[in-house]
N, C-alpha and C. Protein backbone atom coordinates (compact mmCIF):
# COMPACT_ATOMS: atom_id res chain seq x y z
N MET A 1 127.55 80.38 68.46
CA MET A 1 126.16 80.61 68.52
C MET A 1 125.36 81.20 67.40
N SER A 2 124.57 80.56 67.13
CA SER A 2 124.24 80.58 65.64
C SER A 2 123.42 82.06 64.96
N LYS A 3 123.00 82.35 64.01
CA LYS A 3 122.27 83.70 63.91
C LYS A 3 121.00 83.93 64.39
N THR A 4 120.24 82.46 64.49
CA THR A 4 119.01 82.39 64.70
C THR A 4 118.95 82.31 66.54
N GLU A 5 119.79 82.27 66.97
CA GLU A 5 119.96 82.12 68.30
C GLU A 5 120.44 83.43 68.61
N SER A 6 120.81 83.87 68.00
CA SER A 6 121.62 85.31 68.30
C SER A 6 120.20 86.43 68.34
N ASN A 7 119.62 85.94 67.16
CA ASN A 7 118.04 86.85 67.24
C ASN A 7 117.41 86.44 68.23
N SER A 8 117.07 85.41 68.20
CA SER A 8 116.33 84.93 69.52
C SER A 8 116.34 85.79 70.63
N ALA A 9 117.84 85.63 71.16
CA ALA A 9 118.34 86.39 72.45
C ALA A 9 117.83 87.65 72.08
N LYS A 10 118.13 88.42 71.30
CA LYS A 10 117.59 89.82 71.05
C LYS A 10 116.53 90.18 71.53
N GLU A 11 115.98 89.53 70.71
CA GLU A 11 114.28 89.52 70.89
C GLU A 11 113.94 89.56 71.98
N LEU A 12 114.21 88.37 72.65
CA LEU A 12 113.80 88.64 74.45
C LEU A 12 114.58 89.21 75.16
N THR A 13 115.65 89.67 74.48
CA THR A 13 116.23 91.01 75.81
C THR A 13 115.65 92.20 75.48
N GLU A 14 115.07 92.39 74.05
CA GLU A 14 113.74 93.81 73.76
C GLU A 14 112.41 93.23 74.44
N ALA A 15 112.30 92.41 74.49
CA ALA A 15 110.81 91.98 75.01
C ALA A 15 110.63 92.19 76.65
N MET A 16 111.71 91.52 76.91
CA MET A 16 111.91 91.86 78.52
C MET A 16 112.38 93.50 79.26
N GLU A 17 113.10 93.76 78.14
CA GLU A 17 113.43 95.26 78.56
C GLU A 17 112.01 96.22 78.54
N GLU A 18 111.41 95.76 77.32
CA GLU A 18 110.16 96.64 77.13
C GLU A 18 109.08 96.21 78.33
N THR A 19 108.98 95.09 79.07
CA THR A 19 107.86 94.73 80.02
C THR A 19 108.64 95.29 81.47
N MET A 20 109.77 95.44 81.70
CA MET A 20 110.44 96.06 82.54
C MET A 20 109.93 97.70 82.83
N GLN A 21 109.68 98.26 81.29
CA GLN A 21 109.72 99.77 80.99
C GLN A 21 108.57 99.57 81.70
N ARG A 22 107.41 98.66 81.04
CA ARG A 22 106.07 99.07 81.36
C ARG A 22 105.88 99.06 82.96
N LEU A 23 106.16 98.21 83.10
CA LEU A 23 106.33 97.81 85.23
C LEU A 23 106.45 99.13 85.59
N GLN A 24 107.72 99.50 85.55
CA GLN A 24 108.28 100.50 85.77
C GLN A 24 107.07 101.76 85.89
N GLY A 25 106.82 102.10 84.54
CA GLY A 25 105.85 102.92 84.69
C GLY A 25 104.42 102.78 85.27
N ARG A 26 103.77 101.77 85.31
CA ARG A 26 102.67 100.84 86.27
C ARG A 26 102.85 101.40 88.01
N PHE A 27 104.21 101.12 88.05
CA PHE A 27 104.72 101.26 89.42
C PHE A 27 104.79 102.68 89.82
N LYS A 28 105.71 103.41 88.92
CA LYS A 28 105.40 104.75 89.37
C LYS A 28 104.22 105.55 89.07
N GLY A 29 103.22 105.33 88.41
CA GLY A 29 101.46 105.72 88.34
C GLY A 29 101.02 105.38 89.56
N ILE A 30 100.84 104.03 90.10
CA ILE A 30 100.35 103.95 91.22
C ILE A 30 101.25 104.22 92.34
N SER A 31 102.50 104.66 92.88
CA SER A 31 103.30 105.31 93.94
C SER A 31 102.64 107.20 93.51
N GLU A 32 102.58 107.30 92.46
CA GLU A 32 101.94 108.43 92.87
C GLU A 32 100.53 108.79 93.35
N GLN A 33 99.69 107.91 92.43
CA GLN A 33 98.24 107.79 93.21
C GLN A 33 98.08 107.26 94.87
N LEU A 34 98.83 106.63 94.96
CA LEU A 34 98.95 106.53 96.15
C LEU A 34 99.74 107.60 97.51
N GLU A 35 100.42 107.83 97.31
CA GLU A 35 100.86 109.56 97.59
C GLU A 35 99.82 110.70 97.51
N SER A 36 98.84 110.72 96.62
CA SER A 36 98.03 112.14 96.30
C SER A 36 96.81 111.17 97.67
N LYS A 37 96.59 110.09 97.41
CA LYS A 37 95.06 109.26 98.65
C LYS A 37 95.88 109.57 99.87
N LEU A 38 97.36 109.56 99.96
CA LEU A 38 97.72 109.33 101.33
C LEU A 38 97.84 110.93 101.82
N ASP A 39 98.27 112.01 100.99
CA ASP A 39 98.17 113.43 101.08
C ASP A 39 96.24 113.99 101.63
N GLU A 40 95.58 113.19 100.75
CA GLU A 40 94.00 113.54 100.79
C GLU A 40 93.71 113.07 102.32
N MET A 41 94.30 111.88 102.39
CA MET A 41 94.00 111.11 103.92
C MET A 41 94.49 112.14 105.02
N GLY A 42 95.25 112.95 104.62
CA GLY A 42 95.93 113.70 105.79
C GLY A 42 95.65 114.68 106.09
N ALA A 43 94.93 115.27 105.23
CA ALA A 43 94.40 116.45 105.14
C ALA A 43 92.67 116.06 105.76
N ARG A 44 91.90 114.99 105.45
CA ARG A 44 90.95 114.63 105.84
C ARG A 44 90.82 114.44 107.52
N ILE A 45 92.45 113.97 107.73
CA ILE A 45 92.50 113.39 109.41
C ILE A 45 92.35 114.89 109.65
N ASP A 46 93.30 116.21 109.73
CA ASP A 46 93.51 117.45 109.60
C ASP A 46 92.43 117.94 109.89
N ASP A 47 91.45 117.91 109.55
CA ASP A 47 89.69 118.72 109.03
C ASP A 47 89.10 117.92 110.37
N LEU A 48 88.99 116.52 110.84
CA LEU A 48 88.54 116.08 111.38
C LEU A 48 89.10 116.16 112.90
N GLU A 49 90.44 116.11 113.00
CA GLU A 49 90.45 117.15 114.23
C GLU A 49 90.60 118.00 114.79
N SER A 50 90.32 119.19 113.90
CA SER A 50 90.08 120.31 114.24
C SER A 50 88.10 120.27 114.60
N ASP A 51 87.53 119.46 113.59
CA ASP A 51 86.47 119.62 114.25
C ASP A 51 86.15 119.26 115.41
N VAL A 52 86.80 117.95 115.89
CA VAL A 52 86.79 117.38 117.11
C VAL A 52 86.78 118.12 118.05
N SER A 53 88.01 118.93 117.87
CA SER A 53 88.37 120.19 118.79
C SER A 53 87.38 121.06 119.08
N GLU A 54 86.81 121.29 118.08
CA GLU A 54 85.70 122.54 118.17
C GLU A 54 84.56 122.02 119.05
N LEU A 55 84.12 120.74 118.82
CA LEU A 55 83.34 119.85 119.56
C LEU A 55 83.25 120.18 121.09
N MET A 56 84.82 119.62 121.11
CA MET A 56 84.98 119.74 122.62
C MET A 56 85.06 121.31 123.45
N THR A 57 85.31 121.99 122.45
CA THR A 57 85.21 123.37 123.30
C THR A 57 83.58 123.48 123.10
N GLN A 58 83.03 123.30 122.43
CA GLN A 58 81.41 123.90 122.54
C GLN A 58 81.06 123.28 123.64
N ALA A 59 80.98 121.72 123.60
CA ALA A 59 80.61 121.06 124.90
C ALA A 59 81.11 121.31 126.46
N GLY A 60 82.38 121.56 126.44
CA GLY A 60 82.99 122.62 127.42
C GLY A 60 82.37 123.72 127.96
N MET A 61 81.90 124.45 126.78
CA MET A 61 81.27 125.66 127.03
C MET A 61 79.93 124.92 127.67
N GLU A 62 79.19 124.49 126.87
CA GLU A 62 77.54 123.94 126.84
C GLU A 62 77.52 123.68 128.43
N GLU A 63 79.15 122.80 128.80
CA GLU A 63 78.81 122.23 129.97
C GLU A 63 78.94 123.11 131.52
N GLN A 64 79.41 124.12 131.11
CA GLN A 64 79.71 125.32 132.04
C GLN A 64 79.03 125.92 131.69
N ALA A 65 77.87 126.09 131.01
CA ALA A 65 76.40 126.95 130.95
C ALA A 65 75.49 126.45 131.88
N THR A 66 75.37 124.96 131.38
CA THR A 66 74.55 124.04 132.34
C THR A 66 74.48 124.02 134.13
N SER A 67 75.88 123.78 134.06
CA SER A 67 76.89 123.92 135.68
C SER A 67 75.52 125.51 136.40
N CYS A 68 76.01 126.66 135.84
CA CYS A 68 75.89 127.81 136.07
C CYS A 68 74.15 127.64 136.28
N HIS A 69 73.55 127.20 135.39
CA HIS A 69 71.92 127.05 135.61
C HIS A 69 71.85 125.97 137.18
N VAL A 70 72.03 125.07 136.90
CA VAL A 70 72.00 124.17 138.02
C VAL A 70 72.24 124.93 139.09
N THR A 71 73.31 125.51 139.29
CA THR A 71 74.29 126.35 140.51
C THR A 71 72.70 127.43 140.93
N SER A 72 72.31 128.08 140.18
CA SER A 72 71.39 128.93 140.36
C SER A 72 70.20 128.46 140.72
N LYS A 73 69.72 127.35 140.42
CA LYS A 73 68.19 126.89 140.73
C LYS A 73 68.49 126.72 142.08
N ASN A 74 69.58 125.90 142.50
CA ASN A 74 69.81 125.09 144.29
C ASN A 74 69.84 126.61 144.93
């Protein structure tokens, strides 16, 4: 292998290593963003479940109150 070919191979290897490091950095960043978004979505789902449960409880209480009024009118 000539010196020129050796330098070209070395430069290509360095370029590939640099590209792989950049891709790895981008992948890490995207993974962190995705994990953060999933955590945020999980918290929002928990809040939604809590709100739905509260509304169901309120609806049940209102339903019982309505039943008492209807029963007392008869």
